[in-house]
Amino acid sequence: MNNNQSAEYQTGQAKAQAEEKASQLKDQASSAAQSAQESMQQAGQQMKEKAQDAAEAVKNATGTNS
């Protein structure tokens, strides 16, 4: 293998490694986004339940719950 072929090989190797690393980072970002979305959905559900409980408590306190 001459110097030119060696340089081309090393360039190809570096490109393949960079592409693999980019793919890994993309997967990690996607996973983090999915986790954040799930956390926000859970928080929203909890807030909704607390608001419903508070509304129910007000109805009970004022005697307007039928």
PDB file of N, CA and C in Angstrom:
ATOM      1  N   MET A   1       0.855  -1.172   0.000  1.00  0.00           N
ATOM      2  CA  MET A   1       0.000   0.000   0.000  1.00  0.00           C
ATOM      3  C   MET A   1       0.899   1.233   0.000  1.00  0.00           C
ATOM      4  N   ASN A   2       0.693   2.118  -0.958  1.00  0.00           N
ATOM      5  CA  ASN A   2       1.529   3.321  -1.001  1.00  0.00           C
ATOM      6  C   ASN A   2       0.944   4.403  -0.088  1.00  0.00           C
ATOM      7  N   ASN A   3       1.643   5.499   0.011  1.00  0.00           N
ATOM      8  CA  ASN A   3       1.222   6.571   0.922  1.00  0.00           C
ATOM      9  C   ASN A   3      -0.163   7.121   0.569  1.00  0.00           C
ATOM     10  N   ASN A   4      -0.447   7.252  -0.710  1.00  0.00           N
ATOM     11  CA  ASN A   4      -1.736   7.785  -1.147  1.00  0.00           C
ATOM     12  C   ASN A   4      -2.874   6.840  -0.756  1.00  0.00           C
ATOM     13  N   GLN A   5      -2.666   5.541  -0.964  1.00  0.00           N
ATOM     14  CA  GLN A   5      -3.684   4.556  -0.597  1.00  0.00           C
ATOM     15  C   GLN A   5      -3.877   4.529   0.924  1.00  0.00           C
ATOM     16  N   SER A   6      -2.777   4.647   1.640  1.00  0.00           N
ATOM     17  CA  SER A   6      -2.849   4.648   3.100  1.00  0.00           C
ATOM     18  C   SER A   6      -3.636   5.859   3.599  1.00  0.00           C
ATOM     19  N   ALA A   7      -3.395   7.014   2.996  1.00  0.00           N
ATOM     20  CA  ALA A   7      -4.117   8.219   3.390  1.00  0.00           C
ATOM     21  C   ALA A   7      -5.603   8.082   3.075  1.00  0.00           C
ATOM     22  N   GLU A   8      -5.918   7.504   1.909  1.00  0.00           N
ATOM     23  CA  GLU A   8      -7.316   7.305   1.548  1.00  0.00           C
ATOM     24  C   GLU A   8      -7.998   6.332   2.508  1.00  0.00           C
ATOM     25  N   TYR A   9      -7.281   5.295   2.874  1.00  0.00           N
ATOM     26  CA  TYR A   9      -7.823   4.308   3.818  1.00  0.00           C
ATOM     27  C   TYR A   9      -8.101   4.971   5.165  1.00  0.00           C
ATOM     28  N   GLN A  10      -7.133   5.743   5.651  1.00  0.00           N
ATOM     29  CA  GLN A  10      -7.303   6.410   6.943  1.00  0.00           C
ATOM     30  C   GLN A  10      -8.451   7.418   6.892  1.00  0.00           C
ATOM     31  N   THR A  11      -8.591   8.096   5.771  1.00  0.00           N
ATOM     32  CA  THR A  11      -9.697   9.038   5.605  1.00  0.00           C
ATOM     33  C   THR A  11     -11.031   8.303   5.638  1.00  0.00           C
ATOM     34  N   GLY A  12     -11.085   7.182   4.964  1.00  0.00           N
ATOM     35  CA  GLY A  12     -12.307   6.369   4.972  1.00  0.00           C
ATOM     36  C   GLY A  12     -12.643   5.865   6.358  1.00  0.00           C
ATOM     37  N   GLN A  13     -11.623   5.432   7.083  1.00  0.00           N
ATOM     38  CA  GLN A  13     -11.828   4.960   8.456  1.00  0.00           C
ATOM     39  C   GLN A  13     -12.349   6.089   9.341  1.00  0.00           C
ATOM     40  N   ALA A  14     -11.748   7.261   9.217  1.00  0.00           N
ATOM     41  CA  ALA A  14     -12.164   8.414  10.019  1.00  0.00           C
ATOM     42  C   ALA A  14     -13.604   8.799   9.695  1.00  0.00           C
ATOM     43  N   LYS A  15     -13.962   8.749   8.414  1.00  0.00           N
ATOM     44  CA  LYS A  15     -15.327   9.080   8.010  1.00  0.00           C
ATOM     45  C   LYS A  15     -16.320   8.083   8.591  1.00  0.00           C
ATOM     46  N   ALA A  16     -15.985   6.804   8.523  1.00  0.00           N
ATOM     47  CA  ALA A  16     -16.871   5.774   9.060  1.00  0.00           C
ATOM     48  C   ALA A  16     -17.048   5.936  10.567  1.00  0.00           C
ATOM     49  N   GLN A  17     -15.970   6.245  11.264  1.00  0.00           N
ATOM     50  CA  GLN A  17     -16.055   6.455  12.712  1.00  0.00           C
ATOM     51  C   GLN A  17     -16.902   7.675  13.041  1.00  0.00           C
ATOM     52  N   ALA A  18     -16.743   8.743  12.263  1.00  0.00           N
ATOM     53  CA  ALA A  18     -17.526   9.957  12.487  1.00  0.00           C
ATOM     54  C   ALA A  18     -19.010   9.689  12.238  1.00  0.00           C
ATOM     55  N   GLU A  19     -19.315   8.927  11.205  1.00  0.00           N
ATOM     56  CA  GLU A  19     -20.706   8.602  10.909  1.00  0.00           C
ATOM     57  C   GLU A  19     -21.313   7.754  12.020  1.00  0.00           C
ATOM     58  N   GLU A  20     -20.552   6.810  12.540  1.00  0.00           N
ATOM     59  CA  GLU A  20     -21.036   5.964  13.633  1.00  0.00           C
ATOM     60  C   GLU A  20     -21.293   6.800  14.889  1.00  0.00           C
ATOM     61  N   LYS A  21     -20.369   7.697  15.193  1.00  0.00           N
ATOM     62  CA  LYS A  21     -20.534   8.562  16.364  1.00  0.00           C
ATOM     63  C   LYS A  21     -21.759   9.459  16.190  1.00  0.00           C
ATOM     64  N   ALA A  22     -21.958  10.009  14.988  1.00  0.00           N
ATOM     65  CA  ALA A  22     -23.129  10.849  14.727  1.00  0.00           C
ATOM     66  C   ALA A  22     -24.414  10.051  14.910  1.00  0.00           C
ATOM     67  N   SER A  23     -24.407   8.821  14.461  1.00  0.00           N
ATOM     68  CA  SER A  23     -25.580   7.970  14.613  1.00  0.00           C
ATOM     69  C   SER A  23     -25.868   7.701  16.094  1.00  0.00           C
ATOM     70  N   GLN A  24     -24.821   7.450  16.856  1.00  0.00           N
ATOM     71  CA  GLN A  24     -24.998   7.222  18.290  1.00  0.00           C
ATOM     72  C   GLN A  24     -25.552   8.463  18.975  1.00  0.00           C
ATOM     73  N   LEU A  25     -25.019   9.631  18.626  1.00  0.00           N
ATOM     74  CA  LEU A  25     -25.495  10.875  19.231  1.00  0.00           C
ATOM     75  C   LEU A  25     -26.949  11.145  18.856  1.00  0.00           C
ATOM     76  N   LYS A  26     -27.310  10.834  17.618  1.00  0.00           N
ATOM     77  CA  LYS A  26     -28.700  11.007  17.170  1.00  0.00           C
ATOM     78  C   LYS A  26     -29.617  10.097  17.982  1.00  0.00           C
ATOM     79  N   ASP A  27     -29.197   8.856  18.182  1.00  0.00           N
ATOM     80  CA  ASP A  27     -30.000   7.916  18.964  1.00  0.00           C
ATOM     81  C   ASP A  27     -30.158   8.390  20.403  1.00  0.00           C
ATOM     82  N   GLN A  28     -29.076   8.902  20.980  1.00  0.00           N
ATOM     83  CA  GLN A  28     -29.135   9.408  22.355  1.00  0.00           C
ATOM     84  C   GLN A  28     -30.066  10.606  22.455  1.00  0.00           C
ATOM     85  N   ALA A  29     -29.999  11.511  21.487  1.00  0.00           N
ATOM     86  CA  ALA A  29     -30.868  12.687  21.490  1.00  0.00           C
ATOM     87  C   ALA A  29     -32.327  12.280  21.340  1.00  0.00           C
ATOM     88  N   SER A  30     -32.582  11.314  20.483  1.00  0.00           N
ATOM     89  CA  SER A  30     -33.946  10.834  20.286  1.00  0.00           C
ATOM     90  C   SER A  30     -34.488  10.209  21.566  1.00  0.00           C
ATOM     91  N   SER A  31     -33.658   9.430  22.225  1.00  0.00           N
ATOM     92  CA  SER A  31     -34.057   8.793  23.472  1.00  0.00           C
ATOM     93  C   SER A  31     -34.341   9.840  24.554  1.00  0.00           C
ATOM     94  N   ALA A  32     -33.495  10.848  24.635  1.00  0.00           N
ATOM     95  CA  ALA A  32     -33.695  11.910  25.618  1.00  0.00           C
ATOM     96  C   ALA A  32     -34.985  12.677  25.338  1.00  0.00           C
ATOM     97  N   ALA A  33     -35.263  12.935  24.070  1.00  0.00           N
ATOM     98  CA  ALA A  33     -36.490  13.644  23.703  1.00  0.00           C
ATOM     99  C   ALA A  33     -37.719  12.814  24.062  1.00  0.00           C
ATOM    100  N   GLN A  34     -37.659  11.523  23.797  1.00  0.00           N
ATOM    101  CA  GLN A  34     -38.784  10.634  24.126  1.00  0.00           C
ATOM    102  C   GLN A  34     -39.014  10.608  25.632  1.00  0.00           C
ATOM    103  N   SER A  35     -37.934  10.527  26.392  1.00  0.00           N
ATOM    104  CA  SER A  35     -38.040  10.510  27.851  1.00  0.00           C
ATOM    105  C   SER A  35     -38.640  11.818  28.370  1.00  0.00           C
ATOM    106  N   ALA A  36     -38.202  12.934  27.803  1.00  0.00           N
ATOM    107  CA  ALA A  36     -38.733  14.239  28.215  1.00  0.00           C
ATOM    108  C   ALA A  36     -40.220  14.335  27.889  1.00  0.00           C
ATOM    109  N   GLN A  37     -40.606  13.843  26.731  1.00  0.00           N
ATOM    110  CA  GLN A  37     -42.013  13.880  26.346  1.00  0.00           C
ATOM    111  C   GLN A  37     -42.855  13.057  27.316  1.00  0.00           C
ATOM    112  N   GLU A  38     -42.374  11.882  27.674  1.00  0.00           N
ATOM    113  CA  GLU A  38     -43.111  11.036  28.607  1.00  0.00           C
ATOM    114  C   GLU A  38     -43.219  11.694  29.977  1.00  0.00           C
ATOM    115  N   SER A  39     -42.144  12.329  30.423  1.00  0.00           N
ATOM    116  CA  SER A  39     -42.165  13.019  31.711  1.00  0.00           C
ATOM    117  C   SER A  39     -43.174  14.166  31.700  1.00  0.00           C
ATOM    118  N   MET A  40     -43.212  14.908  30.604  1.00  0.00           N
ATOM    119  CA  MET A  40     -44.151  16.022  30.505  1.00  0.00           C
ATOM    120  C   MET A  40     -45.598  15.511  30.481  1.00  0.00           C
ATOM    121  N   GLN A  41     -45.823  14.410  29.809  1.00  0.00           N
ATOM    122  CA  GLN A  41     -47.178  13.842  29.779  1.00  0.00           C
ATOM    123  C   GLN A  41     -47.610  13.402  31.174  1.00  0.00           C
ATOM    124  N   GLN A  42     -46.694  12.797  31.912  1.00  0.00           N
ATOM    125  CA  GLN A  42     -47.010  12.367  33.273  1.00  0.00           C
ATOM    126  C   GLN A  42     -47.288  13.570  34.162  1.00  0.00           C
ATOM    127  N   ALA A  43     -46.473  14.609  34.035  1.00  0.00           N
ATOM    128  CA  ALA A  43     -46.675  15.811  34.831  1.00  0.00           C
ATOM    129  C   ALA A  43     -48.010  16.459  34.487  1.00  0.00           C
ATOM    130  N   GLY A  44     -48.333  16.509  33.217  1.00  0.00           N
ATOM    131  CA  GLY A  44     -49.613  17.076  32.799  1.00  0.00           C
ATOM    132  C   GLY A  44     -50.790  16.291  33.350  1.00  0.00           C
ATOM    133  N   GLN A  45     -50.691  14.982  33.334  1.00  0.00           N
ATOM    134  CA  GLN A  45     -51.757  14.134  33.877  1.00  0.00           C
ATOM    135  C   GLN A  45     -51.917  14.371  35.372  1.00  0.00           C
ATOM    136  N   GLN A  46     -50.797  14.486  36.088  1.00  0.00           N
ATOM    137  CA  GLN A  46     -50.869  14.738  37.531  1.00  0.00           C
ATOM    138  C   GLN A  46     -51.506  16.099  37.819  1.00  0.00           C
ATOM    139  N   MET A  47     -51.150  17.111  37.026  1.00  0.00           N
ATOM    140  CA  MET A  47     -51.736  18.432  37.221  1.00  0.00           C
ATOM    141  C   MET A  47     -53.242  18.401  36.949  1.00  0.00           C
ATOM    142  N   LYS A  48     -53.633  17.677  35.922  1.00  0.00           N
ATOM    143  CA  LYS A  48     -55.052  17.560  35.589  1.00  0.00           C
ATOM    144  C   LYS A  48     -55.811  16.900  36.739  1.00  0.00           C
ATOM    145  N   GLU A  49     -55.250  15.836  37.291  1.00  0.00           N
ATOM    146  CA  GLU A  49     -55.899  15.134  38.399  1.00  0.00           C
ATOM    147  C   GLU A  49     -56.000  16.021  39.634  1.00  0.00           C
ATOM    148  N   LYS A  50     -54.952  16.782  39.922  1.00  0.00           N
ATOM    149  CA  LYS A  50     -54.989  17.685  41.081  1.00  0.00           C
ATOM    150  C   LYS A  50     -56.018  18.782  40.884  1.00  0.00           C
ATOM    151  N   ALA A  51     -56.124  19.305  39.663  1.00  0.00           N
ATOM    152  CA  ALA A  51     -57.124  20.336  39.381  1.00  0.00           C
ATOM    153  C   ALA A  51     -58.533  19.775  39.534  1.00  0.00           C
ATOM    154  N   GLN A  52     -58.742  18.540  39.074  1.00  0.00           N
ATOM    155  CA  GLN A  52     -60.052  17.916  39.225  1.00  0.00           C
ATOM    156  C   GLN A  52     -60.375  17.690  40.699  1.00  0.00           C
ATOM    157  N   ASP A  53     -59.385  17.255  41.475  1.00  0.00           N
ATOM    158  CA  ASP A  53     -59.584  17.052  42.911  1.00  0.00           C
ATOM    159  C   ASP A  53     -59.914  18.374  43.603  1.00  0.00           C
ATOM    160  N   ALA A  54     -59.210  19.443  43.218  1.00  0.00           N
ATOM    161  CA  ALA A  54     -59.460  20.753  43.814  1.00  0.00           C
ATOM    162  C   ALA A  54     -60.860  21.242  43.467  1.00  0.00           C
ATOM    163  N   ALA A  55     -61.271  21.056  42.230  1.00  0.00           N
ATOM    164  CA  ALA A  55     -62.613  21.468  41.825  1.00  0.00           C
ATOM    165  C   ALA A  55     -63.674  20.673  42.596  1.00  0.00           C
ATOM    166  N   GLU A  56     -63.418  19.403  42.778  1.00  0.00           N
ATOM    167  CA  GLU A  56     -64.341  18.554  43.543  1.00  0.00           C
ATOM    168  C   GLU A  56     -64.417  19.014  44.998  1.00  0.00           C
ATOM    169  N   ALA A  57     -63.266  19.387  45.574  1.00  0.00           N
ATOM    170  CA  ALA A  57     -63.239  19.859  46.953  1.00  0.00           C
ATOM    171  C   ALA A  57     -64.041  21.158  47.103  1.00  0.00           C
ATOM    172  N   VAL A  58     -63.909  22.051  46.119  1.00  0.00           N
ATOM    173  CA  VAL A  58     -64.668  23.306  46.162  1.00  0.00           C
ATOM    174  C   VAL A  58     -66.156  23.022  46.069  1.00  0.00           C
ATOM    175  N   LYS A  59     -66.528  22.117  45.180  1.00  0.00           N
ATOM    176  CA  LYS A  59     -67.943  21.763  45.063  1.00  0.00           C
ATOM    177  C   LYS A  59     -68.486  21.185  46.382  1.00  0.00           C
ATOM    178  N   ASN A  60     -67.689  20.323  46.992  1.00  0.00           N
ATOM    179  CA  ASN A  60     -68.115  19.720  48.257  1.00  0.00           C
ATOM    180  C   ASN A  60     -68.219  20.772  49.352  1.00  0.00           C
ATOM    181  N   ALA A  61     -67.273  21.693  49.393  1.00  0.00           N
ATOM    182  CA  ALA A  61     -67.248  22.727  50.425  1.00  0.00           C
ATOM    183  C   ALA A  61     -68.420  23.707  50.266  1.00  0.00           C
ATOM    184  N   THR A  62     -68.810  23.958  49.045  1.00  0.00           N
ATOM    185  CA  THR A  62     -69.891  24.929  48.814  1.00  0.00           C
ATOM    186  C   THR A  62     -71.251  24.256  48.677  1.00  0.00           C
ATOM    187  N   GLY A  63     -71.282  22.947  48.726  1.00  0.00           N
ATOM    188  CA  GLY A  63     -72.555  22.218  48.650  1.00  0.00           C
ATOM    189  C   GLY A  63     -73.139  22.209  47.251  1.00  0.00           C
ATOM    190  N   THR A  64     -72.322  22.462  46.234  1.00  0.00           N
ATOM    191  CA  THR A  64     -72.853  22.464  44.866  1.00  0.00           C
ATOM    192  C   THR A  64     -72.580  21.149  44.139  1.00  0.00           C
ATOM    193  N   ASN A  65     -72.086  20.176  44.866  1.00  0.00           N
ATOM    194  CA  ASN A  65     -71.789  18.876  44.243  1.00  0.00           C
ATOM    195  C   ASN A  65     -73.080  18.060  44.219  1.00  0.00           C
ATOM    196  N   SER A  66     -73.527  17.698  43.035  1.00  0.00           N
ATOM    197  CA  SER A  66     -74.770  16.917  42.984  1.00  0.00           C
ATOM    198  C   SER A  66     -74.522  15.501  42.599  1.00  0.00           C
TER     199      SER A  66
END
